[in-house]
Amino acid sequence: MNTDAARPRAYGGRRASDRKAERRERLMQAGLELFGTAGYPSSSIEKLCARAGVSTRNFYEEFTGREALLIALYGRILEEAAVAIGVALTDTAQESMRPRVERAIRAYVRTMAEDPRWARLAYVEVIGVSQAVEQFRMGWRNNYVDLLVGEAERAAARGEAPPRDYRLSSLGLIGAINEMVHQWTIADGGIDQEELVAEIVRVAMAVLSN
């Protein structure tokens, strides 16, 4: 049996799969830079490929188009935030609602503050692009609504909040949080991060505990 035929081919000492993954990551970084600075409408596939140092053929091997790249980047940002929030909630599993909410909000804000390009992409560039991008955005928003509803129901079971349907108010709270964080990211240092967190916590507690 010829086992060589079953092995991944290597070029220059690297497997083809590694080279492919590297090209994809270069395109992701190019997308983050161009979408997060020049903006999505101004970032053509040609510009993305030039920035990444790949061919257009390589681009279409990884993504069906610019929208697919935008969605992949947006998903990466939201996943980073979700992981940070999950860690915060796990670390406060035995605590009451307020410290849990505060830790989760701080984790979210810190994640979005890591890179101003993330904030621009998440709060500006994904809006109104297409139905596919909007569906993806709404899917993640619903995930966060479920998270907030779960926290409110957990608090209600412990007697920290009245038992009621928190879905609509959670939806409004997400909109408020996103707008507050967005305004903070474009304020160019005019608002202290801890001041922002404290204000979001006040709004969140007003929604989730009444």
N, C-alpha and C. Protein backbone atom coordinates (compact mmCIF):
# COMPACT_ATOMS: atom_id res chain seq x y z
N MET A 1 0.84 -1.19 0.00
CA MET A 1 0.00 0.00 0.00
C MET A 1 0.88 1.24 0.00
N ASN A 2 0.54 2.21 -0.83
CA ASN A 2 1.31 3.46 -0.92
C ASN A 2 0.77 4.46 0.09
N THR A 3 1.42 4.54 1.25
CA THR A 3 0.94 5.45 2.31
C THR A 3 1.24 6.90 1.99
N ASP A 4 2.20 7.17 1.09
CA ASP A 4 2.53 8.55 0.76
C ASP A 4 1.33 9.26 0.13
N ALA A 5 0.54 8.54 -0.62
CA ALA A 5 -0.60 9.16 -1.30
C ALA A 5 -1.64 9.66 -0.31
N ALA A 6 -1.68 9.05 0.88
CA ALA A 6 -2.68 9.43 1.88
C ALA A 6 -2.23 10.60 2.74
N ARG A 7 -0.96 10.97 2.63
CA ARG A 7 -0.46 12.05 3.46
C ARG A 7 -0.74 13.40 2.84
N PRO A 8 -1.03 14.44 3.68
CA PRO A 8 -1.22 15.79 3.13
C PRO A 8 0.04 16.26 2.45
N ARG A 9 -0.10 16.87 1.29
CA ARG A 9 1.06 17.37 0.56
C ARG A 9 1.65 18.58 1.28
N ALA A 10 2.97 18.68 1.25
CA ALA A 10 3.66 19.78 1.91
C ALA A 10 4.42 20.58 0.88
N TYR A 11 4.42 21.90 1.08
CA TYR A 11 5.15 22.80 0.20
C TYR A 11 6.06 23.64 1.07
N GLY A 12 7.36 23.57 0.77
CA GLY A 12 8.30 24.35 1.58
C GLY A 12 8.29 23.92 3.03
N GLY A 13 8.01 22.65 3.29
CA GLY A 13 8.01 22.16 4.66
C GLY A 13 6.70 22.40 5.39
N ARG A 14 5.68 22.95 4.72
CA ARG A 14 4.40 23.22 5.37
C ARG A 14 3.28 22.52 4.62
N ARG A 15 2.31 22.00 5.36
CA ARG A 15 1.19 21.32 4.74
C ARG A 15 0.29 22.31 4.01
N ALA A 16 -0.41 21.82 3.01
CA ALA A 16 -1.32 22.67 2.24
C ALA A 16 -2.42 23.24 3.15
N SER A 17 -2.87 22.44 4.11
CA SER A 17 -3.92 22.91 5.02
C SER A 17 -3.44 24.07 5.88
N ASP A 18 -2.16 24.02 6.26
CA ASP A 18 -1.60 25.13 7.06
C ASP A 18 -1.50 26.40 6.22
N ARG A 19 -1.09 26.24 4.98
CA ARG A 19 -0.99 27.39 4.10
C ARG A 19 -2.37 27.99 3.84
N LYS A 20 -3.35 27.14 3.69
CA LYS A 20 -4.72 27.60 3.47
C LYS A 20 -5.24 28.36 4.69
N ALA A 21 -4.99 27.82 5.87
CA ALA A 21 -5.42 28.48 7.10
C ALA A 21 -4.73 29.83 7.27
N GLU A 22 -3.46 29.89 6.89
CA GLU A 22 -2.72 31.15 6.99
C GLU A 22 -3.30 32.18 6.02
N ARG A 23 -3.62 31.77 4.81
CA ARG A 23 -4.22 32.70 3.84
C ARG A 23 -5.55 33.22 4.35
N ARG A 24 -6.35 32.32 4.93
CA ARG A 24 -7.65 32.74 5.46
C ARG A 24 -7.47 33.77 6.57
N GLU A 25 -6.50 33.52 7.45
CA GLU A 25 -6.28 34.45 8.54
C GLU A 25 -5.78 35.80 8.03
N ARG A 26 -4.95 35.77 6.99
CA ARG A 26 -4.49 37.04 6.41
C ARG A 26 -5.67 37.82 5.84
N LEU A 27 -6.61 37.13 5.22
CA LEU A 27 -7.80 37.78 4.69
C LEU A 27 -8.67 38.32 5.83
N MET A 28 -8.77 37.57 6.93
CA MET A 28 -9.52 38.05 8.09
C MET A 28 -8.90 39.33 8.64
N GLN A 29 -7.58 39.35 8.74
CA GLN A 29 -6.91 40.54 9.26
C GLN A 29 -7.04 41.71 8.29
N ALA A 30 -6.97 41.42 7.00
CA ALA A 30 -7.16 42.47 6.00
C ALA A 30 -8.57 43.04 6.08
N GLY A 31 -9.54 42.16 6.26
CA GLY A 31 -10.92 42.61 6.39
C GLY A 31 -11.12 43.47 7.62
N LEU A 32 -10.53 43.05 8.73
CA LEU A 32 -10.65 43.84 9.95
C LEU A 32 -10.05 45.23 9.77
N GLU A 33 -8.89 45.29 9.12
CA GLU A 33 -8.22 46.58 8.92
C GLU A 33 -9.02 47.48 7.98
N LEU A 34 -9.44 46.95 6.85
CA LEU A 34 -10.12 47.79 5.87
C LEU A 34 -11.56 48.09 6.27
N PHE A 35 -12.31 47.07 6.71
CA PHE A 35 -13.68 47.33 7.14
C PHE A 35 -13.70 48.24 8.37
N GLY A 36 -12.71 48.05 9.24
CA GLY A 36 -12.68 48.79 10.51
C GLY A 36 -12.07 50.17 10.42
N THR A 37 -11.53 50.53 9.25
CA THR A 37 -10.95 51.88 9.10
C THR A 37 -11.58 52.60 7.90
N ALA A 38 -11.39 52.06 6.70
CA ALA A 38 -11.96 52.69 5.50
C ALA A 38 -13.46 52.46 5.41
N GLY A 39 -13.95 51.34 5.99
CA GLY A 39 -15.36 51.02 5.93
C GLY A 39 -15.66 49.92 4.93
N TYR A 40 -16.73 49.20 5.16
CA TYR A 40 -17.11 48.08 4.29
C TYR A 40 -17.38 48.50 2.85
N PRO A 41 -18.16 49.56 2.60
CA PRO A 41 -18.46 49.93 1.20
C PRO A 41 -17.22 50.29 0.39
N SER A 42 -16.19 50.79 1.05
CA SER A 42 -14.98 51.22 0.34
C SER A 42 -13.94 50.12 0.18
N SER A 43 -14.23 48.95 0.69
CA SER A 43 -13.24 47.87 0.71
C SER A 43 -13.59 46.81 -0.32
N SER A 44 -13.03 46.95 -1.50
CA SER A 44 -13.29 45.98 -2.57
C SER A 44 -12.52 44.70 -2.33
N ILE A 45 -12.92 43.66 -3.04
CA ILE A 45 -12.20 42.39 -2.95
C ILE A 45 -10.76 42.56 -3.41
N GLU A 46 -10.55 43.39 -4.43
CA GLU A 46 -9.20 43.63 -4.91
C GLU A 46 -8.34 44.27 -3.82
N LYS A 47 -8.90 45.24 -3.10
CA LYS A 47 -8.16 45.88 -2.02
C LYS A 47 -7.88 44.90 -0.88
N LEU A 48 -8.86 44.07 -0.59
CA LEU A 48 -8.68 43.07 0.47
C LEU A 48 -7.57 42.09 0.10
N CYS A 49 -7.57 41.65 -1.14
CA CYS A 49 -6.55 40.70 -1.59
C CYS A 49 -5.17 41.34 -1.59
N ALA A 50 -5.09 42.60 -2.01
CA ALA A 50 -3.81 43.29 -2.02
C ALA A 50 -3.28 43.43 -0.60
N ARG A 51 -4.18 43.77 0.32
CA ARG A 51 -3.77 43.92 1.72
C ARG A 51 -3.30 42.60 2.31
N ALA A 52 -3.99 41.52 1.96
CA ALA A 52 -3.66 40.20 2.50
C ALA A 52 -2.51 39.53 1.76
N GLY A 53 -2.19 40.02 0.57
CA GLY A 53 -1.14 39.40 -0.22
C GLY A 53 -1.55 38.07 -0.80
N VAL A 54 -2.82 37.97 -1.22
CA VAL A 54 -3.32 36.74 -1.83
C VAL A 54 -3.99 37.08 -3.15
N SER A 55 -4.26 36.08 -3.95
CA SER A 55 -4.94 36.29 -5.22
C SER A 55 -6.45 36.28 -5.01
N THR A 56 -7.19 36.79 -5.99
CA THR A 56 -8.64 36.74 -5.91
C THR A 56 -9.12 35.29 -5.91
N ARG A 57 -8.39 34.41 -6.60
CA ARG A 57 -8.75 32.99 -6.57
C ARG A 57 -8.66 32.45 -5.16
N ASN A 58 -7.59 32.83 -4.44
CA ASN A 58 -7.47 32.41 -3.05
C ASN A 58 -8.62 32.95 -2.20
N PHE A 59 -9.01 34.19 -2.49
CA PHE A 59 -10.13 34.78 -1.74
C PHE A 59 -11.37 33.91 -1.88
N TYR A 60 -11.73 33.59 -3.11
CA TYR A 60 -12.96 32.83 -3.34
C TYR A 60 -12.85 31.38 -2.91
N GLU A 61 -11.65 30.91 -2.64
CA GLU A 61 -11.50 29.59 -2.04
C GLU A 61 -11.90 29.61 -0.57
N GLU A 62 -11.85 30.80 0.05
CA GLU A 62 -12.16 30.92 1.47
C GLU A 62 -13.54 31.52 1.74
N PHE A 63 -13.95 32.47 0.90
CA PHE A 63 -15.20 33.19 1.15
C PHE A 63 -15.98 33.34 -0.16
N THR A 64 -17.30 33.31 -0.05
CA THR A 64 -18.13 33.46 -1.25
C THR A 64 -18.17 34.91 -1.72
N GLY A 65 -17.79 35.84 -0.86
CA GLY A 65 -17.80 37.25 -1.22
C GLY A 65 -17.46 38.09 0.00
N ARG A 66 -17.55 39.42 -0.16
CA ARG A 66 -17.22 40.32 0.96
C ARG A 66 -18.16 40.12 2.14
N GLU A 67 -19.44 39.86 1.86
CA GLU A 67 -20.40 39.65 2.94
C GLU A 67 -19.98 38.49 3.83
N ALA A 68 -19.53 37.43 3.21
CA ALA A 68 -19.12 36.25 3.98
C ALA A 68 -17.94 36.58 4.88
N LEU A 69 -17.01 37.37 4.38
CA LEU A 69 -15.88 37.80 5.19
C LEU A 69 -16.35 38.70 6.33
N LEU A 70 -17.26 39.61 6.05
CA LEU A 70 -17.80 40.49 7.09
C LEU A 70 -18.48 39.68 8.18
N ILE A 71 -19.28 38.71 7.78
CA ILE A 71 -19.98 37.87 8.75
C ILE A 71 -18.99 37.07 9.60
N ALA A 72 -17.96 36.55 8.96
CA ALA A 72 -16.95 35.78 9.70
C ALA A 72 -16.25 36.66 10.74
N LEU A 73 -15.93 37.87 10.37
CA LEU A 73 -15.28 38.79 11.31
C LEU A 73 -16.22 39.18 12.43
N TYR A 74 -17.45 39.50 12.09
CA TYR A 74 -18.44 39.88 13.09
C TYR A 74 -18.67 38.72 14.06
N GLY A 75 -18.75 37.51 13.52
CA GLY A 75 -18.92 36.35 14.37
C GLY A 75 -17.76 36.15 15.32
N ARG A 76 -16.54 36.40 14.84
CA ARG A 76 -15.36 36.27 15.70
C ARG A 76 -15.43 37.26 16.87
N ILE A 77 -15.82 38.49 16.59
CA ILE A 77 -15.93 39.50 17.63
C ILE A 77 -16.97 39.10 18.67
N LEU A 78 -18.14 38.67 18.20
CA LEU A 78 -19.21 38.30 19.11
C LEU A 78 -18.85 37.06 19.92
N GLU A 79 -18.14 36.14 19.31
CA GLU A 79 -17.71 34.95 20.05
C GLU A 79 -16.71 35.31 21.14
N GLU A 80 -15.80 36.23 20.84
CA GLU A 80 -14.85 36.70 21.86
C GLU A 80 -15.60 37.30 23.04
N ALA A 81 -16.59 38.14 22.74
CA ALA A 81 -17.38 38.77 23.79
C ALA A 81 -18.17 37.73 24.58
N ALA A 82 -18.75 36.76 23.88
CA ALA A 82 -19.55 35.73 24.55
C ALA A 82 -18.68 34.89 25.49
N VAL A 83 -17.48 34.56 25.06
CA VAL A 83 -16.57 33.80 25.92
C VAL A 83 -16.22 34.59 27.18
N ALA A 84 -15.92 35.88 27.00
CA ALA A 84 -15.58 36.72 28.16
C ALA A 84 -16.75 36.83 29.13
N ILE A 85 -17.95 36.98 28.59
CA ILE A 85 -19.14 37.05 29.45
C ILE A 85 -19.36 35.72 30.15
N GLY A 86 -19.19 34.62 29.43
CA GLY A 86 -19.36 33.31 30.04
C GLY A 86 -18.42 33.07 31.20
N VAL A 87 -17.16 33.49 31.03
CA VAL A 87 -16.19 33.35 32.13
C VAL A 87 -16.62 34.19 33.32
N ALA A 88 -17.07 35.42 33.06
CA ALA A 88 -17.51 36.30 34.14
C ALA A 88 -18.68 35.70 34.91
N LEU A 89 -19.63 35.13 34.21
CA LEU A 89 -20.79 34.54 34.88
C LEU A 89 -20.43 33.26 35.62
N THR A 90 -19.50 32.50 35.07
CA THR A 90 -19.04 31.29 35.76
C THR A 90 -18.34 31.64 37.06
N ASP A 91 -17.51 32.69 37.00
CA ASP A 91 -16.76 33.11 38.19
C ASP A 91 -17.66 33.67 39.28
N THR A 92 -18.87 34.09 38.92
CA THR A 92 -19.79 34.68 39.91
C THR A 92 -21.03 33.80 40.09
N ALA A 93 -20.89 32.51 39.85
CA ALA A 93 -22.04 31.61 39.85
C ALA A 93 -22.81 31.62 41.15
N GLN A 94 -22.15 31.85 42.28
CA GLN A 94 -22.81 31.82 43.58
C GLN A 94 -23.22 33.20 44.09
N GLU A 95 -23.02 34.21 43.29
CA GLU A 95 -23.31 35.57 43.74
C GLU A 95 -24.68 36.03 43.28
N SER A 96 -25.11 37.16 43.84
CA SER A 96 -26.41 37.72 43.49
C SER A 96 -26.37 38.37 42.11
N MET A 97 -27.51 38.88 41.67
CA MET A 97 -27.61 39.37 40.30
C MET A 97 -26.70 40.57 40.04
N ARG A 98 -26.62 41.54 40.94
CA ARG A 98 -25.88 42.76 40.62
C ARG A 98 -24.40 42.49 40.33
N PRO A 99 -23.67 41.76 41.19
CA PRO A 99 -22.27 41.50 40.83
C PRO A 99 -22.11 40.66 39.58
N ARG A 100 -23.05 39.78 39.31
CA ARG A 100 -22.98 38.99 38.08
C ARG A 100 -23.16 39.89 36.86
N VAL A 101 -24.15 40.76 36.92
CA VAL A 101 -24.39 41.69 35.82
C VAL A 101 -23.20 42.62 35.63
N GLU A 102 -22.65 43.11 36.71
CA GLU A 102 -21.51 44.03 36.62
C GLU A 102 -20.29 43.36 36.00
N ARG A 103 -19.99 42.14 36.43
CA ARG A 103 -18.84 41.44 35.88
C ARG A 103 -19.04 41.13 34.40
N ALA A 104 -20.26 40.74 34.04
CA ALA A 104 -20.55 40.41 32.64
C ALA A 104 -20.44 41.65 31.76
N ILE A 105 -20.97 42.77 32.23
CA ILE A 105 -20.91 44.01 31.45
C ILE A 105 -19.46 44.48 31.32
N ARG A 106 -18.70 44.40 32.39
CA ARG A 106 -17.30 44.81 32.32
C ARG A 106 -16.54 43.94 31.31
N ALA A 107 -16.83 42.66 31.31
CA ALA A 107 -16.18 41.75 30.36
C ALA A 107 -16.53 42.12 28.93
N TYR A 108 -17.79 42.45 28.69
CA TYR A 108 -18.21 42.83 27.35
C TYR A 108 -17.55 44.13 26.91
N VAL A 109 -17.55 45.12 27.78
CA VAL A 109 -16.96 46.42 27.44
C VAL A 109 -15.47 46.27 27.17
N ARG A 110 -14.77 45.53 28.00
CA ARG A 110 -13.33 45.35 27.80
C ARG A 110 -13.03 44.64 26.49
N THR A 111 -13.87 43.69 26.14
CA THR A 111 -13.66 43.00 24.86
C THR A 111 -13.81 43.97 23.70
N MET A 112 -14.87 44.76 23.70
CA MET A 112 -15.11 45.69 22.61
C MET A 112 -14.09 46.82 22.59
N ALA A 113 -13.45 47.07 23.74
CA ALA A 113 -12.46 48.15 23.83
C ALA A 113 -11.08 47.70 23.37
N GLU A 114 -10.89 46.41 23.17
CA GLU A 114 -9.57 45.90 22.81
C GLU A 114 -9.06 46.48 21.49
N ASP A 115 -9.98 46.72 20.57
CA ASP A 115 -9.58 47.17 19.24
C ASP A 115 -10.68 48.08 18.69
N PRO A 116 -10.40 49.35 18.42
CA PRO A 116 -11.45 50.25 17.90
C PRO A 116 -12.04 49.77 16.58
N ARG A 117 -11.29 48.97 15.84
CA ARG A 117 -11.82 48.43 14.58
C ARG A 117 -12.94 47.44 14.85
N TRP A 118 -12.84 46.70 15.96
CA TRP A 118 -13.91 45.78 16.33
C TRP A 118 -15.20 46.55 16.55
N ALA A 119 -15.11 47.65 17.30
CA ALA A 119 -16.30 48.43 17.61
C ALA A 119 -16.93 49.01 16.36
N ARG A 120 -16.11 49.56 15.47
CA ARG A 120 -16.66 50.12 14.25
C ARG A 120 -17.34 49.05 13.41
N LEU A 121 -16.71 47.91 13.31
CA LEU A 121 -17.29 46.83 12.51
C LEU A 121 -18.61 46.36 13.13
N ALA A 122 -18.63 46.20 14.46
CA ALA A 122 -19.80 45.65 15.15
C ALA A 122 -20.96 46.61 15.24
N TYR A 123 -20.67 47.91 15.36
CA TYR A 123 -21.73 48.89 15.59
C TYR A 123 -22.09 49.73 14.38
N VAL A 124 -21.23 49.72 13.37
CA VAL A 124 -21.48 50.58 12.20
C VAL A 124 -21.53 49.79 10.91
N GLU A 125 -20.46 49.05 10.61
CA GLU A 125 -20.30 48.47 9.29
C GLU A 125 -21.25 47.33 8.98
N VAL A 126 -21.77 46.65 9.99
CA VAL A 126 -22.68 45.53 9.72
C VAL A 126 -24.12 45.98 9.52
N ILE A 127 -24.41 47.25 9.79
CA ILE A 127 -25.78 47.72 9.73
C ILE A 127 -26.20 47.99 8.28
N GLY A 128 -27.31 47.39 7.89
CA GLY A 128 -27.90 47.66 6.58
C GLY A 128 -27.15 47.11 5.39
N VAL A 129 -26.28 46.15 5.61
CA VAL A 129 -25.50 45.61 4.49
C VAL A 129 -26.35 44.73 3.59
N SER A 130 -27.02 43.76 4.18
CA SER A 130 -27.83 42.83 3.41
C SER A 130 -28.73 42.04 4.36
N GLN A 131 -29.66 41.31 3.78
CA GLN A 131 -30.54 40.48 4.60
C GLN A 131 -29.76 39.38 5.30
N ALA A 132 -28.76 38.83 4.64
CA ALA A 132 -27.97 37.75 5.25
C ALA A 132 -27.22 38.25 6.47
N VAL A 133 -26.59 39.43 6.35
CA VAL A 133 -25.86 39.99 7.49
C VAL A 133 -26.83 40.34 8.62
N GLU A 134 -28.00 40.87 8.26
CA GLU A 134 -28.98 41.24 9.27
C GLU A 134 -29.51 40.00 10.00
N GLN A 135 -29.73 38.93 9.28
CA GLN A 135 -30.19 37.70 9.91
C GLN A 135 -29.14 37.17 10.88
N PHE A 136 -27.89 37.25 10.48
CA PHE A 136 -26.81 36.81 11.36
C PHE A 136 -26.77 37.69 12.62
N ARG A 137 -26.90 38.99 12.43
CA ARG A 137 -26.88 39.93 13.56
C ARG A 137 -28.05 39.67 14.50
N MET A 138 -29.24 39.44 13.94
CA MET A 138 -30.42 39.19 14.76
C MET A 138 -30.30 37.86 15.51
N GLY A 139 -29.67 36.89 14.88
CA GLY A 139 -29.47 35.61 15.56
C GLY A 139 -28.63 35.77 16.81
N TRP A 140 -27.54 36.52 16.70
CA TRP A 140 -26.71 36.77 17.87
C TRP A 140 -27.43 37.63 18.90
N ARG A 141 -28.20 38.60 18.43
CA ARG A 141 -28.95 39.44 19.37
C ARG A 141 -29.92 38.58 20.19
N ASN A 142 -30.57 37.63 19.53
CA ASN A 142 -31.48 36.74 20.24
C ASN A 142 -30.74 35.89 21.27
N ASN A 143 -29.50 35.52 20.97
CA ASN A 143 -28.71 34.78 21.95
C ASN A 143 -28.50 35.61 23.22
N TYR A 144 -28.20 36.90 23.02
CA TYR A 144 -27.99 37.77 24.17
C TYR A 144 -29.30 38.05 24.91
N VAL A 145 -30.40 38.12 24.18
CA VAL A 145 -31.70 38.26 24.84
C VAL A 145 -31.96 37.05 25.74
N ASP A 146 -31.70 35.87 25.22
CA ASP A 146 -31.87 34.65 26.02
C ASP A 146 -31.00 34.69 27.27
N LEU A 147 -29.78 35.18 27.12
CA LEU A 147 -28.87 35.27 28.27
C LEU A 147 -29.44 36.19 29.34
N LEU A 148 -29.92 37.37 28.93
CA LEU A 148 -30.46 38.33 29.90
C LEU A 148 -31.75 37.82 30.53
N VAL A 149 -32.60 37.20 29.75
CA VAL A 149 -33.83 36.63 30.29
C VAL A 149 -33.50 35.56 31.32
N GLY A 150 -32.52 34.74 31.02
CA GLY A 150 -32.09 33.71 31.97
C GLY A 150 -31.59 34.29 33.27
N GLU A 151 -30.81 35.38 33.18
CA GLU A 151 -30.32 36.04 34.39
C GLU A 151 -31.48 36.61 35.20
N ALA A 152 -32.43 37.23 34.52
CA ALA A 152 -33.58 37.80 35.22
C ALA A 152 -34.42 36.71 35.88
N GLU A 153 -34.63 35.62 35.19
CA GLU A 153 -35.40 34.52 35.76
C GLU A 153 -34.67 33.89 36.94
N ARG A 154 -33.36 33.80 36.84
CA ARG A 154 -32.54 33.30 37.95
C ARG A 154 -32.71 34.21 39.16
N ALA A 155 -32.68 35.52 38.92
CA ALA A 155 -32.84 36.48 40.00
C ALA A 155 -34.24 36.41 40.60
N ALA A 156 -35.25 36.21 39.75
CA ALA A 156 -36.62 36.10 40.23
C ALA A 156 -36.79 34.88 41.12
N ALA A 157 -36.16 33.78 40.75
CA ALA A 157 -36.24 32.56 41.55
C ALA A 157 -35.60 32.73 42.91
N ARG A 158 -34.64 33.66 43.01
CA ARG A 158 -33.97 33.92 44.29
C ARG A 158 -34.62 35.06 45.05
N GLY A 159 -35.70 35.61 44.51
CA GLY A 159 -36.40 36.71 45.17
C GLY A 159 -35.76 38.06 44.96
N GLU A 160 -34.86 38.19 43.97
CA GLU A 160 -34.17 39.45 43.72
C GLU A 160 -34.88 40.31 42.67
N ALA A 161 -35.86 39.73 42.00
CA ALA A 161 -36.60 40.44 40.96
C ALA A 161 -38.00 39.85 40.88
N PRO A 162 -38.96 40.63 40.42
CA PRO A 162 -40.33 40.09 40.31
C PRO A 162 -40.44 39.11 39.15
N PRO A 163 -41.24 38.08 39.30
CA PRO A 163 -41.42 37.13 38.18
C PRO A 163 -42.29 37.76 37.09
N ARG A 164 -41.75 37.90 35.89
CA ARG A 164 -42.49 38.46 34.76
C ARG A 164 -41.76 38.08 33.47
N ASP A 165 -42.32 38.47 32.35
CA ASP A 165 -41.69 38.21 31.06
C ASP A 165 -40.66 39.32 30.79
N TYR A 166 -39.39 38.96 30.75
CA TYR A 166 -38.32 39.94 30.60
C TYR A 166 -37.80 40.05 29.16
N ARG A 167 -38.43 39.36 28.22
CA ARG A 167 -37.86 39.31 26.88
C ARG A 167 -37.86 40.67 26.20
N LEU A 168 -38.98 41.39 26.23
CA LEU A 168 -39.04 42.67 25.54
C LEU A 168 -38.10 43.69 26.17
N SER A 169 -38.08 43.74 27.49
CA SER A 169 -37.19 44.70 28.15
C SER A 169 -35.72 44.32 27.94
N SER A 170 -35.42 43.04 27.84
CA SER A 170 -34.04 42.60 27.55
C SER A 170 -33.62 43.04 26.15
N LEU A 171 -34.55 42.98 25.22
CA LEU A 171 -34.27 43.44 23.86
C LEU A 171 -33.93 44.93 23.86
N GLY A 172 -34.71 45.71 24.61
CA GLY A 172 -34.42 47.13 24.71
C GLY A 172 -33.11 47.40 25.41
N LEU A 173 -32.79 46.61 26.41
CA LEU A 173 -31.54 46.78 27.15
C LEU A 173 -30.34 46.53 26.25
N ILE A 174 -30.41 45.52 25.39
CA ILE A 174 -29.30 45.25 24.48
C ILE A 174 -29.07 46.43 23.54
N GLY A 175 -30.16 47.00 23.04
CA GLY A 175 -30.02 48.18 22.19
C GLY A 175 -29.36 49.33 22.93
N ALA A 176 -29.75 49.53 24.18
CA ALA A 176 -29.17 50.62 24.98
C ALA A 176 -27.69 50.37 25.24
N ILE A 177 -27.35 49.14 25.60
CA ILE A 177 -25.94 48.81 25.88
C ILE A 177 -25.09 49.04 24.63
N ASN A 178 -25.55 48.55 23.50
CA ASN A 178 -24.77 48.70 22.27
C ASN A 178 -24.57 50.17 21.91
N GLU A 179 -25.62 50.97 22.07
CA GLU A 179 -25.50 52.39 21.74
C GLU A 179 -24.55 53.11 22.70
N MET A 180 -24.63 52.77 23.98
CA MET A 180 -23.75 53.40 24.96
C MET A 180 -22.29 53.04 24.71
N VAL A 181 -22.04 51.76 24.43
CA VAL A 181 -20.66 51.34 24.16
C VAL A 181 -20.16 51.97 22.87
N HIS A 182 -21.01 52.02 21.86
CA HIS A 182 -20.61 52.65 20.60
C HIS A 182 -20.23 54.11 20.81
N GLN A 183 -21.06 54.85 21.52
CA GLN A 183 -20.77 56.26 21.76
C GLN A 183 -19.48 56.42 22.56
N TRP A 184 -19.25 55.50 23.48
CA TRP A 184 -18.01 55.56 24.26
C TRP A 184 -16.79 55.32 23.38
N THR A 185 -16.91 54.39 22.44
CA THR A 185 -15.75 54.07 21.60
C THR A 185 -15.39 55.21 20.67
N ILE A 186 -16.34 56.07 20.32
CA ILE A 186 -16.04 57.20 19.43
C ILE A 186 -15.84 58.50 20.19
N ALA A 187 -15.88 58.44 21.53
CA ALA A 187 -15.73 59.65 22.34
C ALA A 187 -14.28 60.06 22.51
N ASP A 188 -13.35 59.23 22.03
CA ASP A 188 -11.92 59.55 22.04
C ASP A 188 -11.43 59.89 23.45
N GLY A 189 -11.76 59.00 24.39
CA GLY A 189 -11.27 59.18 25.76
C GLY A 189 -12.07 60.14 26.60
N GLY A 190 -13.19 60.63 26.08
CA GLY A 190 -13.99 61.60 26.84
C GLY A 190 -14.76 60.99 27.99
N ILE A 191 -14.90 59.67 27.98
CA ILE A 191 -15.65 58.97 29.04
C ILE A 191 -14.77 57.87 29.59
N ASP A 192 -14.63 57.82 30.90
CA ASP A 192 -13.83 56.78 31.54
C ASP A 192 -14.54 55.43 31.40
N GLN A 193 -13.76 54.37 31.19
CA GLN A 193 -14.35 53.04 31.00
C GLN A 193 -15.15 52.60 32.21
N GLU A 194 -14.65 52.85 33.41
CA GLU A 194 -15.39 52.44 34.60
C GLU A 194 -16.66 53.25 34.78
N GLU A 195 -16.63 54.51 34.34
CA GLU A 195 -17.84 55.33 34.38
C GLU A 195 -18.89 54.75 33.43
N LEU A 196 -18.44 54.31 32.27
CA LEU A 196 -19.35 53.68 31.32
C LEU A 196 -19.95 52.41 31.90
N VAL A 197 -19.11 51.55 32.48
CA VAL A 197 -19.59 50.30 33.06
C VAL A 197 -20.61 50.58 34.15
N ALA A 198 -20.32 51.54 35.02
CA ALA A 198 -21.23 51.87 36.12
C ALA A 198 -22.59 52.33 35.59
N GLU A 199 -22.56 53.13 34.53
CA GLU A 199 -23.82 53.63 33.97
C GLU A 199 -24.62 52.50 33.33
N ILE A 200 -23.95 51.61 32.63
CA ILE A 200 -24.66 50.47 32.02
C ILE A 200 -25.25 49.57 33.09
N VAL A 201 -24.50 49.37 34.17
CA VAL A 201 -25.00 48.54 35.27
C VAL A 201 -26.26 49.16 35.87
N ARG A 202 -26.27 50.49 36.04
CA ARG A 202 -27.46 51.15 36.58
C ARG A 202 -28.67 50.93 35.68
N VAL A 203 -28.46 51.07 34.38
CA VAL A 203 -29.55 50.85 33.44
C VAL A 203 -30.00 49.39 33.46
N ALA A 204 -29.04 48.48 33.45
CA ALA A 204 -29.38 47.05 33.45
C ALA A 204 -30.15 46.64 34.70
N MET A 205 -29.71 47.11 35.83
CA MET A 205 -30.40 46.75 37.07
C MET A 205 -31.80 47.34 37.12
N ALA A 206 -31.97 48.54 36.57
CA ALA A 206 -33.31 49.14 36.52
C ALA A 206 -34.25 48.30 35.67
N VAL A 207 -33.72 47.69 34.61
CA VAL A 207 -34.54 46.87 33.72
C VAL A 207 -34.77 45.49 34.29
N LEU A 208 -33.74 44.88 34.83
CA LEU A 208 -33.79 43.47 35.22
C LEU A 208 -34.26 43.21 36.64
N SER A 209 -34.41 44.22 37.43
CA SER A 209 -34.80 43.98 38.83
C SER A 209 -36.14 44.63 39.18
N ASN A 210 -36.87 45.10 38.19
CA ASN A 210 -38.17 45.75 38.46
C ASN A 210 -39.28 45.17 37.59
